[in-house]
Amino acid sequence: MTVELTAAPADPAPTRRRRRPAPRRGPGPTRAMGLAFVGPYVVLMLAFGIIPAVYAVALAFSRADGGFAGLDNFVRVITDFRFLPAVQHVAVYLVLWLVMLTVLVVVLALVLHAVTTRWVSRALRLLYYLPGALAGASAVLLWLFVLNPDAGPAGPLLKAMGFETFAQTIQPGNLSLVFAVIAFWTGAGQWVIVMYGALNNIPTEVMEAARIDGANPVQIALRIQLPLLRKWIAYMAVLALAAGTQLFVEPTLLSQASTGVVPNDYSVNQLAYQYAFNLSDFNGAAAIAVLLLVVSVALSAVFVLRGGLFDTEEP
């Protein structure tokens, strides 16, 4: 008997199953949560930032009767005898404040980052942050006591410098330095914490490689840490500049406490306040505000461009 062997028929080619497209999902909880966080900020920015700025620009180029004034309001406030001294006061204060903030904050952050003991580092961070818990007005009231040679803790030092009375300490020629010291005392500690966090983001491999190559702490700080902190320093300078140009609370409180020793038009913002609420000249006050805005934006652009704040790393 013979058995015939027949080849099994070949399997048909497997059919390819088409994948059904994934159903489109609507905005998930992550997007909704993001909108919930951003929405109130956008509303507040429009209500207290964009709309008032647009209104101020409109007032600056209009007359009291509503007609178009051109540059008349700007010419009038610039030629005011109080305008240039106020600009000079704010400019000197800004230079002192930004230099003190940039140099001392970076140095303190580098020193804090070099501390390896955990509890010491935490205690220093808390110590730096505590002065910032006081609001601007509270800080000025505290410094009114500190700057009094007869009652303040710094009295012996002030008398050694030739200041015998409180009125001598807060003479207009000394106020730029006084305001810079107050601003540094209240705001520098928070920036030290920010810079400390930025230093912690530097890869440890980079630091270890520098130490292996023989770099000392000063060389590491100058050639590695400072270049990597450039964007953070520019960010700090922009925000400090925006806050510094709005100098108002400190000279106003000192003017009231000194019974006229400090003038009530010491800063540019104070002069705008005088135009608006003492002279009822809202167009002139708006012109001062627009000038202040233009100068602040121009200086901030310099810091942004020089600091490479929005530069992206090349792949």
C-alpha atoms as a PDB file:
ATOM      1  CA  MET A   1       0.000   0.000   0.000  1.00  0.00           C
ATOM      2  CA  THR A   2       1.354   3.300  -0.934  1.00  0.00           C
ATOM      3  CA  VAL A   3       0.727   6.477   0.994  1.00  0.00           C
ATOM      4  CA  GLU A   4       0.621   9.612  -0.981  1.00  0.00           C
ATOM      5  CA  LEU A   5       2.046  12.569   0.742  1.00  0.00           C
ATOM      6  CA  THR A   6       0.528  15.800  -0.274  1.00  0.00           C
ATOM      7  CA  ALA A   7       1.876  19.140   0.744  1.00  0.00           C
ATOM      8  CA  ALA A   8      -0.296  21.058   3.108  1.00  0.00           C
ATOM      9  CA  PRO A   9      -1.789  24.085   1.567  1.00  0.00           C
ATOM     10  CA  ALA A  10       0.016  27.255   2.383  1.00  0.00           C
ATOM     11  CA  ASP A  11      -1.558  29.487   4.973  1.00  0.00           C
ATOM     12  CA  PRO A  12      -3.252  32.447   3.481  1.00  0.00           C
ATOM     13  CA  ALA A  13      -1.487  35.721   4.009  1.00  0.00           C
ATOM     14  CA  PRO A  14      -2.434  37.160   7.353  1.00  0.00           C
ATOM     15  CA  THR A  15      -4.782  40.024   7.044  1.00  0.00           C
ATOM     16  CA  ARG A  16      -3.591  43.307   8.520  1.00  0.00           C
ATOM     17  CA  ARG A  17      -5.854  44.692  11.097  1.00  0.00           C
ATOM     18  CA  ARG A  18      -6.419  48.353  10.876  1.00  0.00           C
ATOM     19  CA  ARG A  19      -5.949  50.186  14.089  1.00  0.00           C
ATOM     20  CA  ARG A  20      -8.808  52.290  15.060  1.00  0.00           C
ATOM     21  CA  PRO A  21      -7.838  55.864  15.722  1.00  0.00           C
ATOM     22  CA  ALA A  22      -7.765  56.708  19.381  1.00  0.00           C
ATOM     23  CA  PRO A  23     -10.744  58.727  20.397  1.00  0.00           C
ATOM     24  CA  ARG A  24     -10.044  62.367  20.871  1.00  0.00           C
ATOM     25  CA  ARG A  25     -10.077  63.387  24.435  1.00  0.00           C
ATOM     26  CA  GLY A  26     -11.344  66.698  25.604  1.00  0.00           C
ATOM     27  CA  PRO A  27      -9.425  68.972  27.906  1.00  0.00           C
ATOM     28  CA  GLY A  28      -8.257  66.751  30.702  1.00  0.00           C
ATOM     29  CA  PRO A  29      -7.914  67.611  34.366  1.00  0.00           C
ATOM     30  CA  THR A  30      -4.374  68.894  33.836  1.00  0.00           C
ATOM     31  CA  ARG A  31      -5.453  71.515  31.321  1.00  0.00           C
ATOM     32  CA  ALA A  32      -8.464  72.485  33.393  1.00  0.00           C
ATOM     33  CA  MET A  33      -6.261  72.877  36.446  1.00  0.00           C
ATOM     34  CA  GLY A  34      -3.851  75.057  34.475  1.00  0.00           C
ATOM     35  CA  LEU A  35      -6.685  77.297  33.313  1.00  0.00           C
ATOM     36  CA  ALA A  36      -7.952  77.522  36.876  1.00  0.00           C
ATOM     37  CA  PHE A  37      -4.568  78.764  38.059  1.00  0.00           C
ATOM     38  CA  VAL A  38      -3.889  81.129  35.141  1.00  0.00           C
ATOM     39  CA  GLY A  39      -7.409  82.535  34.785  1.00  0.00           C
ATOM     40  CA  PRO A  40      -7.504  84.675  37.961  1.00  0.00           C
ATOM     41  CA  TYR A  41      -4.048  86.060  37.189  1.00  0.00           C
ATOM     42  CA  VAL A  42      -5.132  87.080  33.679  1.00  0.00           C
ATOM     43  CA  VAL A  43      -8.250  88.778  35.048  1.00  0.00           C
ATOM     44  CA  LEU A  44      -6.280  90.684  37.672  1.00  0.00           C
ATOM     45  CA  MET A  45      -3.585  91.628  35.165  1.00  0.00           C
ATOM     46  CA  LEU A  46      -6.198  93.074  32.822  1.00  0.00           C
ATOM     47  CA  ALA A  47      -8.058  94.862  35.625  1.00  0.00           C
ATOM     48  CA  PHE A  48      -5.059  96.325  37.453  1.00  0.00           C
ATOM     49  CA  GLY A  49      -2.321  96.304  34.802  1.00  0.00           C
ATOM     50  CA  ILE A  50      -3.272  96.498  31.136  1.00  0.00           C
ATOM     51  CA  ILE A  51      -6.468  98.566  31.331  1.00  0.00           C
ATOM     52  CA  PRO A  52      -5.035 101.203  33.751  1.00  0.00           C
ATOM     53  CA  ALA A  53      -1.900 101.481  31.593  1.00  0.00           C
ATOM     54  CA  VAL A  54      -3.958 102.070  28.457  1.00  0.00           C
ATOM     55  CA  TYR A  55      -6.094 104.609  30.322  1.00  0.00           C
ATOM     56  CA  ALA A  56      -2.966 106.411  31.581  1.00  0.00           C
ATOM     57  CA  VAL A  57      -1.579 106.638  28.042  1.00  0.00           C
ATOM     58  CA  ALA A  58      -4.879 108.092  26.847  1.00  0.00           C
ATOM     59  CA  LEU A  59      -4.853 110.670  29.650  1.00  0.00           C
ATOM     60  CA  ALA A  60      -1.232 111.609  28.972  1.00  0.00           C
ATOM     61  CA  PHE A  61      -2.038 112.631  25.393  1.00  0.00           C
ATOM     62  CA  SER A  62      -5.284 114.468  26.145  1.00  0.00           C
ATOM     63  CA  ARG A  63      -6.303 117.749  27.718  1.00  0.00           C
ATOM     64  CA  ALA A  64      -8.538 118.255  30.715  1.00  0.00           C
ATOM     65  CA  ASP A  65     -11.484 118.982  28.388  1.00  0.00           C
ATOM     66  CA  GLY A  66     -10.909 115.701  26.528  1.00  0.00           C
ATOM     67  CA  GLY A  67      -9.189 117.101  23.433  1.00  0.00           C
ATOM     68  CA  PHE A  68      -5.912 115.867  21.994  1.00  0.00           C
ATOM     69  CA  ALA A  69      -2.936 117.539  23.689  1.00  0.00           C
ATOM     70  CA  GLY A  70      -0.025 115.956  21.841  1.00  0.00           C
ATOM     71  CA  LEU A  71       3.174 116.274  23.863  1.00  0.00           C
ATOM     72  CA  ASP A  72       2.062 119.316  25.855  1.00  0.00           C
ATOM     73  CA  ASN A  73       1.581 117.381  29.089  1.00  0.00           C
ATOM     74  CA  PHE A  74       5.018 115.801  28.811  1.00  0.00           C
ATOM     75  CA  VAL A  75       6.690 119.151  28.153  1.00  0.00           C
ATOM     76  CA  ARG A  76       4.879 120.705  31.092  1.00  0.00           C
ATOM     77  CA  VAL A  77       5.936 118.083  33.636  1.00  0.00           C
ATOM     78  CA  ILE A  78       9.520 117.850  32.358  1.00  0.00           C
ATOM     79  CA  THR A  79       9.983 121.614  32.671  1.00  0.00           C
ATOM     80  CA  ASP A  80       8.625 121.540  36.225  1.00  0.00           C
ATOM     81  CA  PHE A  81      11.409 122.577  38.610  1.00  0.00           C
ATOM     82  CA  ARG A  82      10.688 119.523  40.801  1.00  0.00           C
ATOM     83  CA  PHE A  83      10.949 116.924  38.042  1.00  0.00           C
ATOM     84  CA  LEU A  84      14.702 116.727  37.452  1.00  0.00           C
ATOM     85  CA  PRO A  85      15.604 116.589  41.192  1.00  0.00           C
ATOM     86  CA  ALA A  86      13.081 113.775  41.652  1.00  0.00           C
ATOM     87  CA  VAL A  87      14.582 111.878  38.702  1.00  0.00           C
ATOM     88  CA  GLN A  88      18.067 112.377  40.144  1.00  0.00           C
ATOM     89  CA  HIS A  89      16.998 111.066  43.552  1.00  0.00           C
ATOM     90  CA  VAL A  90      15.455 107.923  42.078  1.00  0.00           C
ATOM     91  CA  ALA A  91      18.416 107.367  39.731  1.00  0.00           C
ATOM     92  CA  VAL A  92      20.977 107.510  42.551  1.00  0.00           C
ATOM     93  CA  TYR A  93      18.823 105.240  44.668  1.00  0.00           C
ATOM     94  CA  LEU A  94      18.490 102.712  41.819  1.00  0.00           C
ATOM     95  CA  VAL A  95      22.228 102.591  41.182  1.00  0.00           C
ATOM     96  CA  LEU A  96      23.002 102.014  44.868  1.00  0.00           C
ATOM     97  CA  TRP A  97      20.169  99.509  45.282  1.00  0.00           C
ATOM     98  CA  LEU A  98      20.972  97.429  42.181  1.00  0.00           C
ATOM     99  CA  VAL A  99      24.714  97.328  42.884  1.00  0.00           C
ATOM    100  CA  MET A 100      24.194  96.322  46.512  1.00  0.00           C
ATOM    101  CA  LEU A 101      21.576  93.749  45.555  1.00  0.00           C
ATOM    102  CA  THR A 102      23.545  92.143  42.738  1.00  0.00           C
ATOM    103  CA  VAL A 103      26.921  91.955  44.459  1.00  0.00           C
ATOM    104  CA  LEU A 104      25.898  91.084  48.006  1.00  0.00           C
ATOM    105  CA  VAL A 105      23.096  88.670  47.084  1.00  0.00           C
ATOM    106  CA  VAL A 106      25.371  86.649  44.797  1.00  0.00           C
ATOM    107  CA  VAL A 107      28.162  86.595  47.386  1.00  0.00           C
ATOM    108  CA  LEU A 108      25.798  85.540  50.193  1.00  0.00           C
ATOM    109  CA  ALA A 109      24.253  82.843  47.995  1.00  0.00           C
ATOM    110  CA  LEU A 110      27.682  81.438  47.120  1.00  0.00           C
ATOM    111  CA  VAL A 111      28.685  81.404  50.781  1.00  0.00           C
ATOM    112  CA  LEU A 112      25.405  79.758  51.758  1.00  0.00           C
ATOM    113  CA  HIS A 113      25.828  77.127  49.046  1.00  0.00           C
ATOM    114  CA  ALA A 114      29.323  76.353  50.310  1.00  0.00           C
ATOM    115  CA  VAL A 115      27.980  75.508  53.785  1.00  0.00           C
ATOM    116  CA  THR A 116      27.768  71.729  53.973  1.00  0.00           C
ATOM    117  CA  THR A 117      26.238  71.385  57.441  1.00  0.00           C
ATOM    118  CA  ARG A 118      22.511  70.944  56.890  1.00  0.00           C
ATOM    119  CA  TRP A 119      21.171  72.579  60.045  1.00  0.00           C
ATOM    120  CA  VAL A 120      23.480  75.580  59.639  1.00  0.00           C
ATOM    121  CA  SER A 121      22.320  76.040  56.047  1.00  0.00           C
ATOM    122  CA  ARG A 122      18.661  75.881  57.066  1.00  0.00           C
ATOM    123  CA  ALA A 123      19.180  78.326  59.915  1.00  0.00           C
ATOM    124  CA  LEU A 124      20.917  80.812  57.616  1.00  0.00           C
ATOM    125  CA  ARG A 125      18.173  80.551  55.009  1.00  0.00           C
ATOM    126  CA  LEU A 126      15.564  81.297  57.663  1.00  0.00           C
ATOM    127  CA  LEU A 127      17.642  84.204  58.950  1.00  0.00           C
ATOM    128  CA  TYR A 128      17.914  85.679  55.445  1.00  0.00           C
ATOM    129  CA  TYR A 129      14.190  85.313  54.821  1.00  0.00           C
ATOM    130  CA  LEU A 130      12.868  86.823  58.075  1.00  0.00           C
ATOM    131  CA  PRO A 131      13.403  90.540  57.206  1.00  0.00           C
ATOM    132  CA  GLY A 132      11.347  90.043  54.047  1.00  0.00           C
ATOM    133  CA  ALA A 133       8.335  89.110  56.176  1.00  0.00           C
ATOM    134  CA  LEU A 134       7.942  92.806  57.039  1.00  0.00           C
ATOM    135  CA  ALA A 135       5.986  94.886  54.550  1.00  0.00           C
ATOM    136  CA  GLY A 136       7.481  98.077  53.139  1.00  0.00           C
ATOM    137  CA  ALA A 137       5.627 100.408  55.506  1.00  0.00           C
ATOM    138  CA  SER A 138       6.474  98.280  58.551  1.00  0.00           C
ATOM    139  CA  ALA A 139      10.134  98.193  57.558  1.00  0.00           C
ATOM    140  CA  VAL A 140      10.246 101.979  57.264  1.00  0.00           C
ATOM    141  CA  LEU A 141       8.679 102.396  60.696  1.00  0.00           C
ATOM    142  CA  LEU A 142      11.288 100.052  62.122  1.00  0.00           C
ATOM    143  CA  TRP A 143      14.086 101.996  60.455  1.00  0.00           C
ATOM    144  CA  LEU A 144      12.733 105.257  61.835  1.00  0.00           C
ATOM    145  CA  PHE A 145      13.729 103.854  65.205  1.00  0.00           C
ATOM    146  CA  VAL A 146      17.058 102.454  63.958  1.00  0.00           C
ATOM    147  CA  LEU A 147      18.086 105.752  62.349  1.00  0.00           C
ATOM    148  CA  ASN A 148      17.472 107.782  65.490  1.00  0.00           C
ATOM    149  CA  PRO A 149      20.892 108.458  67.094  1.00  0.00           C
ATOM    150  CA  ASP A 150      19.297 109.082  70.495  1.00  0.00           C
ATOM    151  CA  ALA A 151      17.150 105.932  70.720  1.00  0.00           C
ATOM    152  CA  GLY A 152      18.168 103.446  68.045  1.00  0.00           C
ATOM    153  CA  PRO A 153      20.612 100.569  68.464  1.00  0.00           C
ATOM    154  CA  ALA A 154      22.862 102.122  65.828  1.00  0.00           C
ATOM    155  CA  GLY A 155      23.084 105.379  67.793  1.00  0.00           C
ATOM    156  CA  PRO A 156      26.799 105.133  68.723  1.00  0.00           C
ATOM    157  CA  LEU A 157      27.722 104.348  65.124  1.00  0.00           C
ATOM    158  CA  LEU A 158      25.625 107.230  63.773  1.00  0.00           C
ATOM    159  CA  LYS A 159      27.127 109.665  66.273  1.00  0.00           C
ATOM    160  CA  ALA A 160      30.602 108.478  65.359  1.00  0.00           C
ATOM    161  CA  MET A 161      29.739 109.340  61.732  1.00  0.00           C
ATOM    162  CA  GLY A 162      28.713 112.857  62.768  1.00  0.00           C
ATOM    163  CA  PHE A 163      24.914 112.468  62.945  1.00  0.00           C
ATOM    164  CA  GLU A 164      23.728 113.842  66.268  1.00  0.00           C
ATOM    165  CA  THR A 165      19.979 114.104  65.583  1.00  0.00           C
ATOM    166  CA  PHE A 166      17.355 112.237  63.595  1.00  0.00           C
ATOM    167  CA  ALA A 167      16.910 115.253  61.292  1.00  0.00           C
ATOM    168  CA  GLN A 168      20.608 115.154  60.370  1.00  0.00           C
ATOM    169  CA  THR A 169      20.413 111.450  59.558  1.00  0.00           C
ATOM    170  CA  ILE A 170      17.541 111.814  57.110  1.00  0.00           C
ATOM    171  CA  GLN A 171      18.740 114.881  55.265  1.00  0.00           C
ATOM    172  CA  PRO A 172      17.751 114.652  51.549  1.00  0.00           C
ATOM    173  CA  GLY A 173      21.381 114.116  50.575  1.00  0.00           C
ATOM    174  CA  ASN A 174      21.509 110.920  52.646  1.00  0.00           C
ATOM    175  CA  LEU A 175      18.149 109.486  51.662  1.00  0.00           C
ATOM    176  CA  SER A 176      19.250 107.578  48.549  1.00  0.00           C
ATOM    177  CA  LEU A 177      21.645 105.498  50.628  1.00  0.00           C
ATOM    178  CA  VAL A 178      19.120 105.156  53.457  1.00  0.00           C
ATOM    179  CA  PHE A 179      16.426 103.886  51.085  1.00  0.00           C
ATOM    180  CA  ALA A 180      18.885 101.511  49.412  1.00  0.00           C
ATOM    181  CA  VAL A 181      19.824 100.025  52.793  1.00  0.00           C
ATOM    182  CA  ILE A 182      16.152  99.636  53.748  1.00  0.00           C
ATOM    183  CA  ALA A 183      15.322  97.993  50.413  1.00  0.00           C
ATOM    184  CA  PHE A 184      18.287  95.642  50.691  1.00  0.00           C
ATOM    185  CA  TRP A 185      17.384  94.667  54.251  1.00  0.00           C
ATOM    186  CA  THR A 186      13.783  93.861  53.331  1.00  0.00           C
ATOM    187  CA  GLY A 187      14.246  92.245  49.911  1.00  0.00           C
ATOM    188  CA  ALA A 188      17.719  90.759  49.588  1.00  0.00           C
ATOM    189  CA  GLY A 189      17.086  87.700  51.757  1.00  0.00           C
ATOM    190  CA  GLN A 190      14.407  86.346  49.434  1.00  0.00           C
ATOM    191  CA  TRP A 191      16.720  86.669  46.454  1.00  0.00           C
ATOM    192  CA  VAL A 192      19.475  84.872  48.359  1.00  0.00           C
ATOM    193  CA  ILE A 193      17.112  81.907  48.702  1.00  0.00           C
ATOM    194  CA  VAL A 194      16.305  82.063  44.973  1.00  0.00           C
ATOM    195  CA  MET A 195      19.979  82.152  44.016  1.00  0.00           C
ATOM    196  CA  TYR A 196      20.683  79.301  46.421  1.00  0.00           C
ATOM    197  CA  GLY A 197      18.068  77.203  44.648  1.00  0.00           C
ATOM    198  CA  ALA A 198      19.606  78.080  41.276  1.00  0.00           C
ATOM    199  CA  LEU A 199      23.033  76.997  42.511  1.00  0.00           C
ATOM    200  CA  ASN A 200      21.574  73.659  43.603  1.00  0.00           C
ATOM    201  CA  ASN A 201      20.441  73.056  40.017  1.00  0.00           C
ATOM    202  CA  ILE A 202      24.010  73.096  38.710  1.00  0.00           C
ATOM    203  CA  PRO A 203      24.934  69.450  37.898  1.00  0.00           C
ATOM    204  CA  THR A 204      27.238  67.940  40.489  1.00  0.00           C
ATOM    205  CA  GLU A 205      29.248  66.321  37.671  1.00  0.00           C
ATOM    206  CA  VAL A 206      30.301  69.749  36.451  1.00  0.00           C
ATOM    207  CA  MET A 207      31.421  70.808  39.920  1.00  0.00           C
ATOM    208  CA  GLU A 208      33.282  67.552  40.532  1.00  0.00           C
ATOM    209  CA  ALA A 209      35.036  67.778  37.170  1.00  0.00           C
ATOM    210  CA  ALA A 210      36.214  71.295  38.007  1.00  0.00           C
ATOM    211  CA  ARG A 211      37.570  70.154  41.374  1.00  0.00           C
ATOM    212  CA  ILE A 212      39.364  67.215  39.763  1.00  0.00           C
ATOM    213  CA  ASP A 213      40.979  69.624  37.302  1.00  0.00           C
ATOM    214  CA  GLY A 214      42.361  71.575  40.243  1.00  0.00           C
ATOM    215  CA  ALA A 215      39.973  74.550  40.354  1.00  0.00           C
ATOM    216  CA  ASN A 216      39.734  76.247  43.721  1.00  0.00           C
ATOM    217  CA  PRO A 217      36.421  77.616  45.131  1.00  0.00           C
ATOM    218  CA  VAL A 218      37.049  81.104  43.744  1.00  0.00           C
ATOM    219  CA  GLN A 219      37.731  79.783  40.245  1.00  0.00           C
ATOM    220  CA  ILE A 220      34.638  77.572  40.405  1.00  0.00           C
ATOM    221  CA  ALA A 221      32.523  80.547  41.437  1.00  0.00           C
ATOM    222  CA  LEU A 222      33.886  82.860  38.725  1.00  0.00           C
ATOM    223  CA  ARG A 223      34.055  80.421  35.809  1.00  0.00           C
ATOM    224  CA  ILE A 224      31.200  78.016  36.466  1.00  0.00           C
ATOM    225  CA  GLN A 225      28.639  79.258  38.969  1.00  0.00           C
ATOM    226  CA  LEU A 226      28.430  82.923  37.964  1.00  0.00           C
ATOM    227  CA  PRO A 227      28.016  82.228  34.208  1.00  0.00           C
ATOM    228  CA  LEU A 228      25.259  79.725  34.992  1.00  0.00           C
ATOM    229  CA  LEU A 229      23.576  82.283  37.276  1.00  0.00           C
ATOM    230  CA  ARG A 230      23.550  84.986  34.604  1.00  0.00           C
ATOM    231  CA  LYS A 231      19.879  84.560  33.702  1.00  0.00           C
ATOM    232  CA  TRP A 232      18.812  84.527  37.335  1.00  0.00           C
ATOM    233  CA  ILE A 233      20.821  87.677  38.025  1.00  0.00           C
ATOM    234  CA  ALA A 234      19.173  89.386  35.039  1.00  0.00           C
ATOM    235  CA  TYR A 235      15.748  88.277  36.279  1.00  0.00           C
ATOM    236  CA  MET A 236      16.500  89.676  39.728  1.00  0.00           C
ATOM    237  CA  ALA A 237      17.721  92.960  38.249  1.00  0.00           C
ATOM    238  CA  VAL A 238      14.577  93.401  36.147  1.00  0.00           C
ATOM    239  CA  LEU A 239      12.211  92.876  39.082  1.00  0.00           C
ATOM    240  CA  ALA A 240      14.339  95.028  41.411  1.00  0.00           C
ATOM    241  CA  LEU A 241      14.377  97.793  38.801  1.00  0.00           C
ATOM    242  CA  ALA A 242      10.592  97.640  38.441  1.00  0.00           C
ATOM    243  CA  ALA A 243      10.167  97.887  42.212  1.00  0.00           C
ATOM    244  CA  GLY A 244      12.843 100.568  42.650  1.00  0.00           C
ATOM    245  CA  THR A 245      11.336 102.989  40.145  1.00  0.00           C
ATOM    246  CA  GLN A 246       8.087 102.917  42.152  1.00  0.00           C
ATOM    247  CA  LEU A 247       9.718 104.542  45.186  1.00  0.00           C
ATOM    248  CA  PHE A 248       6.849 106.067  47.158  1.00  0.00           C
ATOM    249  CA  VAL A 249       6.107 104.558  50.591  1.00  0.00           C
ATOM    250  CA  GLU A 250       9.521 105.166  52.148  1.00  0.00           C
ATOM    251  CA  PRO A 251       9.896 108.901  51.369  1.00  0.00           C
ATOM    252  CA  THR A 252       6.214 109.524  52.127  1.00  0.00           C
ATOM    253  CA  LEU A 253       6.460 108.048  55.627  1.00  0.00           C
ATOM    254  CA  LEU A 254       9.750 109.809  56.291  1.00  0.00           C
ATOM    255  CA  SER A 255       8.244 113.087  55.107  1.00  0.00           C
ATOM    256  CA  GLN A 256       5.395 112.723  57.612  1.00  0.00           C
ATOM    257  CA  ALA A 257       7.670 111.584  60.437  1.00  0.00           C
ATOM    258  CA  SER A 258      10.233 114.332  59.894  1.00  0.00           C
ATOM    259  CA  THR A 259       7.627 117.137  59.729  1.00  0.00           C
ATOM    260  CA  GLY A 260       8.890 118.481  56.430  1.00  0.00           C
ATOM    261  CA  VAL A 261      12.605 117.657  56.508  1.00  0.00           C
ATOM    262  CA  VAL A 262      12.014 115.196  53.682  1.00  0.00           C
ATOM    263  CA  PRO A 263      10.060 116.892  50.853  1.00  0.00           C
ATOM    264  CA  ASN A 264       6.776 115.382  49.714  1.00  0.00           C
ATOM    265  CA  ASP A 265       7.972 115.427  46.093  1.00  0.00           C
ATOM    266  CA  TYR A 266      11.243 113.583  46.667  1.00  0.00           C
ATOM    267  CA  SER A 267      10.574 110.768  44.174  1.00  0.00           C
ATOM    268  CA  VAL A 268       8.953 110.689  40.749  1.00  0.00           C
ATOM    269  CA  ASN A 269       5.951 108.762  42.041  1.00  0.00           C
ATOM    270  CA  GLN A 270       5.454 111.323  44.793  1.00  0.00           C
ATOM    271  CA  LEU A 271       5.504 114.101  42.208  1.00  0.00           C
ATOM    272  CA  ALA A 272       2.852 112.277  40.183  1.00  0.00           C
ATOM    273  CA  TYR A 273       0.775 111.973  43.363  1.00  0.00           C
ATOM    274  CA  GLN A 274       1.080 115.718  43.947  1.00  0.00           C
ATOM    275  CA  TYR A 275      -0.090 116.421  40.398  1.00  0.00           C
ATOM    276  CA  ALA A 276      -3.091 114.108  40.707  1.00  0.00           C
ATOM    277  CA  PHE A 277      -4.419 114.742  44.211  1.00  0.00           C
ATOM    278  CA  ASN A 278      -3.098 118.174  45.196  1.00  0.00           C
ATOM    279  CA  LEU A 279      -3.316 119.947  41.836  1.00  0.00           C
ATOM    280  CA  SER A 280      -6.128 117.819  40.323  1.00  0.00           C
ATOM    281  CA  ASP A 281      -4.006 117.533  37.185  1.00  0.00           C
ATOM    282  CA  PHE A 282      -4.562 113.907  36.230  1.00  0.00           C
ATOM    283  CA  ASN A 283      -3.201 114.453  32.728  1.00  0.00           C
ATOM    284  CA  GLY A 284       0.138 115.635  34.084  1.00  0.00           C
ATOM    285  CA  ALA A 285       0.241 112.721  36.547  1.00  0.00           C
ATOM    286  CA  ALA A 286      -0.467 110.312  33.698  1.00  0.00           C
ATOM    287  CA  ALA A 287       2.340 111.881  31.651  1.00  0.00           C
ATOM    288  CA  ILE A 288       4.782 111.280  34.518  1.00  0.00           C
ATOM    289  CA  ALA A 289       3.571 107.689  34.809  1.00  0.00           C
ATOM    290  CA  VAL A 290       4.059 107.078  31.089  1.00  0.00           C
ATOM    291  CA  LEU A 291       7.571 108.548  31.200  1.00  0.00           C
ATOM    292  CA  LEU A 292       8.391 106.304  34.132  1.00  0.00           C
ATOM    293  CA  LEU A 293       6.988 103.304  32.257  1.00  0.00           C
ATOM    294  CA  VAL A 294       9.048 104.023  29.134  1.00  0.00           C
ATOM    295  CA  VAL A 295      12.283 104.410  31.086  1.00  0.00           C
ATOM    296  CA  SER A 296      11.616 101.256  33.121  1.00  0.00           C
ATOM    297  CA  VAL A 297      10.857  99.167  30.034  1.00  0.00           C
ATOM    298  CA  ALA A 298      13.959 100.464  28.239  1.00  0.00           C
ATOM    299  CA  LEU A 299      16.258  99.681  31.186  1.00  0.00           C
ATOM    300  CA  SER A 300      14.627  96.281  31.667  1.00  0.00           C
ATOM    301  CA  ALA A 301      15.225  95.482  27.996  1.00  0.00           C
ATOM    302  CA  VAL A 302      18.919  96.214  28.508  1.00  0.00           C
ATOM    303  CA  PHE A 303      19.090  93.744  31.412  1.00  0.00           C
ATOM    304  CA  VAL A 304      17.138  91.128  29.467  1.00  0.00           C
ATOM    305  CA  LEU A 305      19.345  91.374  26.386  1.00  0.00           C
ATOM    306  CA  ARG A 306      22.635  91.552  28.274  1.00  0.00           C
ATOM    307  CA  GLY A 307      21.645  88.755  30.621  1.00  0.00           C
ATOM    308  CA  GLY A 308      20.277  86.485  27.898  1.00  0.00           C
ATOM    309  CA  LEU A 309      17.113  85.951  29.896  1.00  0.00           C
ATOM    310  CA  PHE A 310      15.178  84.432  26.994  1.00  0.00           C
ATOM    311  CA  ASP A 311      18.054  82.704  25.249  1.00  0.00           C
ATOM    312  CA  THR A 312      17.550  78.998  24.608  1.00  0.00           C
ATOM    313  CA  GLU A 313      20.277  76.413  24.718  1.00  0.00           C
ATOM    314  CA  GLU A 314      21.325  74.993  21.360  1.00  0.00           C
ATOM    315  CA  PRO A 315      20.770  71.256  21.007  1.00  0.00           C
END
